[in-house]
PDB file of N, CA and C in Angstrom:
ATOM      1  N   MET A   1       0.829  -1.179   0.001  1.00  0.00           N
ATOM      2  CA  MET A   1      -0.001  -0.001   0.001  1.00  0.00           C
ATOM      3  C   MET A   1       0.873   1.239   0.001  1.00  0.00           C
ATOM      4  N   THR A   2       0.281   2.335  -0.398  1.00  0.00           N
ATOM      5  CA  THR A   2       0.993   3.597  -0.387  1.00  0.00           C
ATOM      6  C   THR A   2       0.898   4.229   0.986  1.00  0.00           C
ATOM      7  N   ASP A   3       1.574   5.352   1.162  1.00  0.00           N
ATOM      8  CA  ASP A   3       1.551   6.051   2.440  1.00  0.00           C
ATOM      9  C   ASP A   3       0.288   6.890   2.554  1.00  0.00           C
ATOM     10  N   ARG A   4      -0.751   6.299   3.075  1.00  0.00           N
ATOM     11  CA  ARG A   4      -2.001   7.015   3.314  1.00  0.00           C
ATOM     12  C   ARG A   4      -2.072   7.348   4.782  1.00  0.00           C
ATOM     13  N   LYS A   5      -2.630   8.497   5.114  1.00  0.00           N
ATOM     14  CA  LYS A   5      -2.796   8.879   6.512  1.00  0.00           C
ATOM     15  C   LYS A   5      -3.712   7.887   7.213  1.00  0.00           C
ATOM     16  N   ASP A   6      -4.762   7.499   6.522  1.00  0.00           N
ATOM     17  CA  ASP A   6      -5.754   6.577   7.056  1.00  0.00           C
ATOM     18  C   ASP A   6      -5.766   5.366   6.136  1.00  0.00           C
ATOM     19  N   GLU A   7      -5.370   4.227   6.633  1.00  0.00           N
ATOM     20  CA  GLU A   7      -5.230   3.039   5.788  1.00  0.00           C
ATOM     21  C   GLU A   7      -6.535   2.313   5.508  1.00  0.00           C
ATOM     22  N   HIS A   8      -7.652   2.863   5.968  1.00  0.00           N
ATOM     23  CA  HIS A   8      -8.936   2.228   5.743  1.00  0.00           C
ATOM     24  C   HIS A   8      -9.591   2.788   4.486  1.00  0.00           C
ATOM     25  N   LEU A   9     -10.361   1.959   3.830  1.00  0.00           N
ATOM     26  CA  LEU A   9     -11.140   2.420   2.689  1.00  0.00           C
ATOM     27  C   LEU A   9     -12.448   2.997   3.199  1.00  0.00           C
ATOM     28  N   HIS A  10     -12.916   4.028   2.544  1.00  0.00           N
ATOM     29  CA  HIS A  10     -14.149   4.703   2.917  1.00  0.00           C
ATOM     30  C   HIS A  10     -15.123   4.651   1.754  1.00  0.00           C
ATOM     31  N   PRO A  11     -16.411   4.821   2.016  1.00  0.00           N
ATOM     32  CA  PRO A  11     -17.387   4.770   0.922  1.00  0.00           C
ATOM     33  C   PRO A  11     -17.048   5.704  -0.238  1.00  0.00           C
ATOM     34  N   ALA A  12     -16.460   6.849   0.042  1.00  0.00           N
ATOM     35  CA  ALA A  12     -16.113   7.793  -1.020  1.00  0.00           C
ATOM     36  C   ALA A  12     -15.000   7.267  -1.921  1.00  0.00           C
ATOM     37  N   ASP A  13     -14.269   6.241  -1.476  1.00  0.00           N
ATOM     38  CA  ASP A  13     -13.192   5.659  -2.269  1.00  0.00           C
ATOM     39  C   ASP A  13     -13.708   4.767  -3.403  1.00  0.00           C
ATOM     40  N   PHE A  14     -14.974   4.375  -3.343  1.00  0.00           N
ATOM     41  CA  PHE A  14     -15.530   3.420  -4.293  1.00  0.00           C
ATOM     42  C   PHE A  14     -16.222   4.109  -5.440  1.00  0.00           C
ATOM     43  N   PRO A  15     -16.266   3.492  -6.587  1.00  0.00           N
ATOM     44  CA  PRO A  15     -15.740   2.172  -6.890  1.00  0.00           C
ATOM     45  C   PRO A  15     -14.222   2.198  -7.073  1.00  0.00           C
ATOM     46  N   ILE A  16     -13.595   1.121  -6.661  1.00  0.00           N
ATOM     47  CA  ILE A  16     -12.163   0.942  -6.846  1.00  0.00           C
ATOM     48  C   ILE A  16     -11.945   0.566  -8.310  1.00  0.00           C
ATOM     49  N   GLU A  17     -10.919   1.136  -8.917  1.00  0.00           N
ATOM     50  CA  GLU A  17     -10.626   0.843 -10.310  1.00  0.00           C
ATOM     51  C   GLU A  17      -9.263   0.178 -10.436  1.00  0.00           C
ATOM     52  N   ALA A  18      -9.157  -0.737 -11.371  1.00  0.00           N
ATOM     53  CA  ALA A  18      -7.869  -1.367 -11.678  1.00  0.00           C
ATOM     54  C   ALA A  18      -7.301  -0.671 -12.889  1.00  0.00           C
ATOM     55  N   GLU A  19      -6.096  -0.169 -12.744  1.00  0.00           N
ATOM     56  CA  GLU A  19      -5.400   0.476 -13.852  1.00  0.00           C
ATOM     57  C   GLU A  19      -4.054  -0.226 -13.984  1.00  0.00           C
ATOM     58  N   SER A  20      -3.950  -1.080 -14.982  1.00  0.00           N
ATOM     59  CA  SER A  20      -2.792  -1.956 -15.132  1.00  0.00           C
ATOM     60  C   SER A  20      -2.731  -2.831 -13.880  1.00  0.00           C
ATOM     61  N   LYS A  21      -1.657  -2.771 -13.109  1.00  0.00           N
ATOM     62  CA  LYS A  21      -1.521  -3.578 -11.895  1.00  0.00           C
ATOM     63  C   LYS A  21      -1.916  -2.787 -10.650  1.00  0.00           C
ATOM     64  N   SER A  22      -2.300  -1.528 -10.801  1.00  0.00           N
ATOM     65  CA  SER A  22      -2.617  -0.665  -9.669  1.00  0.00           C
ATOM     66  C   SER A  22      -4.100  -0.694  -9.339  1.00  0.00           C
ATOM     67  N   LEU A  23      -4.401  -0.599  -8.056  1.00  0.00           N
ATOM     68  CA  LEU A  23      -5.774  -0.428  -7.589  1.00  0.00           C
ATOM     69  C   LEU A  23      -5.883   1.010  -7.128  1.00  0.00           C
ATOM     70  N   LYS A  24      -6.897   1.721  -7.657  1.00  0.00           N
ATOM     71  CA  LYS A  24      -7.022   3.146  -7.382  1.00  0.00           C
ATOM     72  C   LYS A  24      -8.417   3.503  -6.904  1.00  0.00           C
ATOM     73  N   THR A  25      -8.470   4.530  -6.056  1.00  0.00           N
ATOM     74  CA  THR A  25      -9.743   5.061  -5.591  1.00  0.00           C
ATOM     75  C   THR A  25     -10.344   5.944  -6.666  1.00  0.00           C
ATOM     76  N   THR A  26     -11.536   6.450  -6.422  1.00  0.00           N
ATOM     77  CA  THR A  26     -12.208   7.293  -7.411  1.00  0.00           C
ATOM     78  C   THR A  26     -11.448   8.575  -7.700  1.00  0.00           C
ATOM     79  N   ASP A  27     -10.648   9.048  -6.744  1.00  0.00           N
ATOM     80  CA  ASP A  27      -9.874  10.271  -6.986  1.00  0.00           C
ATOM     81  C   ASP A  27      -8.501   9.988  -7.578  1.00  0.00           C
ATOM     82  N   GLY A  28      -8.250   8.719  -7.949  1.00  0.00           N
ATOM     83  CA  GLY A  28      -7.012   8.358  -8.624  1.00  0.00           C
ATOM     84  C   GLY A  28      -5.859   7.999  -7.715  1.00  0.00           C
ATOM     85  N   GLU A  29      -6.096   7.944  -6.412  1.00  0.00           N
ATOM     86  CA  GLU A  29      -5.043   7.596  -5.462  1.00  0.00           C
ATOM     87  C   GLU A  29      -4.777   6.090  -5.508  1.00  0.00           C
ATOM     88  N   THR A  30      -3.535   5.712  -5.702  1.00  0.00           N
ATOM     89  CA  THR A  30      -3.171   4.299  -5.716  1.00  0.00           C
ATOM     90  C   THR A  30      -3.200   3.770  -4.288  1.00  0.00           C
ATOM     91  N   ILE A  31      -3.950   2.681  -4.084  1.00  0.00           N
ATOM     92  CA  ILE A  31      -4.052   2.102  -2.744  1.00  0.00           C
ATOM     93  C   ILE A  31      -3.315   0.779  -2.630  1.00  0.00           C
ATOM     94  N   ALA A  32      -3.038   0.143  -3.769  1.00  0.00           N
ATOM     95  CA  ALA A  32      -2.330  -1.136  -3.738  1.00  0.00           C
ATOM     96  C   ALA A  32      -1.824  -1.476  -5.134  1.00  0.00           C
ATOM     97  N   GLU A  33      -0.865  -2.393  -5.161  1.00  0.00           N
ATOM     98  CA  GLU A  33      -0.333  -2.920  -6.412  1.00  0.00           C
ATOM     99  C   GLU A  33      -0.514  -4.433  -6.388  1.00  0.00           C
ATOM    100  N   ALA A  34      -0.991  -4.999  -7.473  1.00  0.00           N
ATOM    101  CA  ALA A  34      -1.148  -6.442  -7.598  1.00  0.00           C
ATOM    102  C   ALA A  34       0.004  -6.992  -8.433  1.00  0.00           C
ATOM    103  N   LYS A  35       0.182  -8.281  -8.399  1.00  0.00           N
ATOM    104  CA  LYS A  35       1.265  -8.904  -9.176  1.00  0.00           C
ATOM    105  C   LYS A  35       0.964  -8.928 -10.667  1.00  0.00           C
ATOM    106  N   THR A  36      -0.326  -9.020 -11.009  1.00  0.00           N
ATOM    107  CA  THR A  36      -0.707  -9.053 -12.420  1.00  0.00           C
ATOM    108  C   THR A  36      -1.920  -8.162 -12.647  1.00  0.00           C
ATOM    109  N   ARG A  37      -2.139  -7.810 -13.901  1.00  0.00           N
ATOM    110  CA  ARG A  37      -3.307  -7.011 -14.256  1.00  0.00           C
ATOM    111  C   ARG A  37      -4.594  -7.776 -13.964  1.00  0.00           C
ATOM    112  N   LYS A  38      -4.599  -9.054 -14.286  1.00  0.00           N
ATOM    113  CA  LYS A  38      -5.780  -9.890 -14.058  1.00  0.00           C
ATOM    114  C   LYS A  38      -6.132  -9.922 -12.569  1.00  0.00           C
ATOM    115  N   LEU A  39      -5.124 -10.053 -11.728  1.00  0.00           N
ATOM    116  CA  LEU A  39      -5.349 -10.077 -10.288  1.00  0.00           C
ATOM    117  C   LEU A  39      -5.879  -8.726  -9.808  1.00  0.00           C
ATOM    118  N   ALA A  40      -5.351  -7.631 -10.326  1.00  0.00           N
ATOM    119  CA  ALA A  40      -5.840  -6.300  -9.952  1.00  0.00           C
ATOM    120  C   ALA A  40      -7.314  -6.149 -10.321  1.00  0.00           C
ATOM    121  N   ASP A  41      -7.680  -6.618 -11.509  1.00  0.00           N
ATOM    122  CA  ASP A  41      -9.080  -6.561 -11.933  1.00  0.00           C
ATOM    123  C   ASP A  41      -9.976  -7.358 -10.997  1.00  0.00           C
ATOM    124  N   GLU A  42      -9.528  -8.543 -10.622  1.00  0.00           N
ATOM    125  CA  GLU A  42     -10.324  -9.398  -9.740  1.00  0.00           C
ATOM    126  C   GLU A  42     -10.477  -8.783  -8.354  1.00  0.00           C
ATOM    127  N   ILE A  43      -9.405  -8.239  -7.817  1.00  0.00           N
ATOM    128  CA  ILE A  43      -9.461  -7.612  -6.487  1.00  0.00           C
ATOM    129  C   ILE A  43     -10.415  -6.419  -6.513  1.00  0.00           C
ATOM    130  N   ALA A  44     -10.309  -5.579  -7.532  1.00  0.00           N
ATOM    131  CA  ALA A  44     -11.195  -4.420  -7.643  1.00  0.00           C
ATOM    132  C   ALA A  44     -12.652  -4.855  -7.720  1.00  0.00           C
ATOM    133  N   GLN A  45     -12.913  -5.879  -8.523  1.00  0.00           N
ATOM    134  CA  GLN A  45     -14.282  -6.367  -8.651  1.00  0.00           C
ATOM    135  C   GLN A  45     -14.819  -6.875  -7.310  1.00  0.00           C
ATOM    136  N   ARG A  46     -14.030  -7.629  -6.590  1.00  0.00           N
ATOM    137  CA  ARG A  46     -14.476  -8.162  -5.304  1.00  0.00           C
ATOM    138  C   ARG A  46     -14.693  -7.067  -4.274  1.00  0.00           C
ATOM    139  N   LEU A  47     -13.786  -6.099  -4.238  1.00  0.00           N
ATOM    140  CA  LEU A  47     -13.954  -4.982  -3.305  1.00  0.00           C
ATOM    141  C   LEU A  47     -15.218  -4.190  -3.620  1.00  0.00           C
ATOM    142  N   ASN A  48     -15.455  -3.945  -4.887  1.00  0.00           N
ATOM    143  CA  ASN A  48     -16.642  -3.192  -5.294  1.00  0.00           C
ATOM    144  C   ASN A  48     -17.924  -3.960  -4.993  1.00  0.00           C
ATOM    145  N   GLU A  49     -17.925  -5.266  -5.219  1.00  0.00           N
ATOM    146  CA  GLU A  49     -19.097  -6.082  -4.917  1.00  0.00           C
ATOM    147  C   GLU A  49     -19.387  -6.071  -3.421  1.00  0.00           C
ATOM    148  N   GLN A  50     -18.344  -6.186  -2.608  1.00  0.00           N
ATOM    149  CA  GLN A  50     -18.520  -6.179  -1.151  1.00  0.00           C
ATOM    150  C   GLN A  50     -19.055  -4.828  -0.679  1.00  0.00           C
ATOM    151  N   ALA A  51     -18.511  -3.754  -1.196  1.00  0.00           N
ATOM    152  CA  ALA A  51     -18.972  -2.419  -0.818  1.00  0.00           C
ATOM    153  C   ALA A  51     -20.433  -2.227  -1.215  1.00  0.00           C
ATOM    154  N   TYR A  52     -20.801  -2.716  -2.392  1.00  0.00           N
ATOM    155  CA  TYR A  52     -22.179  -2.608  -2.853  1.00  0.00           C
ATOM    156  C   TYR A  52     -23.123  -3.377  -1.927  1.00  0.00           C
ATOM    157  N   ARG A  53     -22.725  -4.603  -1.556  1.00  0.00           N
ATOM    158  CA  ARG A  53     -23.557  -5.401  -0.640  1.00  0.00           C
ATOM    159  C   ARG A  53     -23.727  -4.707   0.698  1.00  0.00           C
ATOM    160  N   GLU A  54     -22.643  -4.144   1.230  1.00  0.00           N
ATOM    161  CA  GLU A  54     -22.706  -3.452   2.514  1.00  0.00           C
ATOM    162  C   GLU A  54     -23.636  -2.247   2.424  1.00  0.00           C
ATOM    163  N   GLU A  55     -23.571  -1.507   1.321  1.00  0.00           N
ATOM    164  CA  GLU A  55     -24.438  -0.359   1.135  1.00  0.00           C
ATOM    165  C   GLU A  55     -25.896  -0.787   1.073  1.00  0.00           C
ATOM    166  N   GLN A  56     -26.186  -1.875   0.360  1.00  0.00           N
ATOM    167  CA  GLN A  56     -27.549  -2.377   0.262  1.00  0.00           C
ATOM    168  C   GLN A  56     -28.057  -2.864   1.608  1.00  0.00           C
ATOM    169  N   ASP A  57     -27.182  -3.483   2.402  1.00  0.00           N
ATOM    170  CA  ASP A  57     -27.576  -3.958   3.730  1.00  0.00           C
ATOM    171  C   ASP A  57     -27.964  -2.813   4.638  1.00  0.00           C
ATOM    172  N   CYS A  58     -27.300  -1.683   4.518  1.00  0.00           N
ATOM    173  CA  CYS A  58     -27.634  -0.514   5.342  1.00  0.00           C
ATOM    174  C   CYS A  58     -29.041  -0.035   5.048  1.00  0.00           C
ATOM    175  N   TRP A  59     -29.435  -0.080   3.782  1.00  0.00           N
ATOM    176  CA  TRP A  59     -30.746   0.411   3.392  1.00  0.00           C
ATOM    177  C   TRP A  59     -31.850  -0.604   3.642  1.00  0.00           C
ATOM    178  N   SER A  60     -31.520  -1.869   3.735  1.00  0.00           N
ATOM    179  CA  SER A  60     -32.555  -2.897   3.888  1.00  0.00           C
ATOM    180  C   SER A  60     -32.889  -3.164   5.350  1.00  0.00           C
ATOM    181  N   ALA A  61     -32.097  -2.655   6.259  1.00  0.00           N
ATOM    182  CA  ALA A  61     -32.336  -2.924   7.697  1.00  0.00           C
ATOM    183  C   ALA A  61     -33.436  -2.086   8.262  1.00  0.00           C
TER     184      ALA A  61
END
């Protein structure tokens, strides 16, 4: 990970995007590097799916 003041992801960081091997927040900040582009894509997809589920759970309660 890069040097972030706060190492936690926040709702404003989503959706996470994969750019080559980098995982980036919506404002373009790199939060992690994956070993391959395919892995970066998969990680971004899983993080985005989890964030979406959490958001839906908040509204369904």
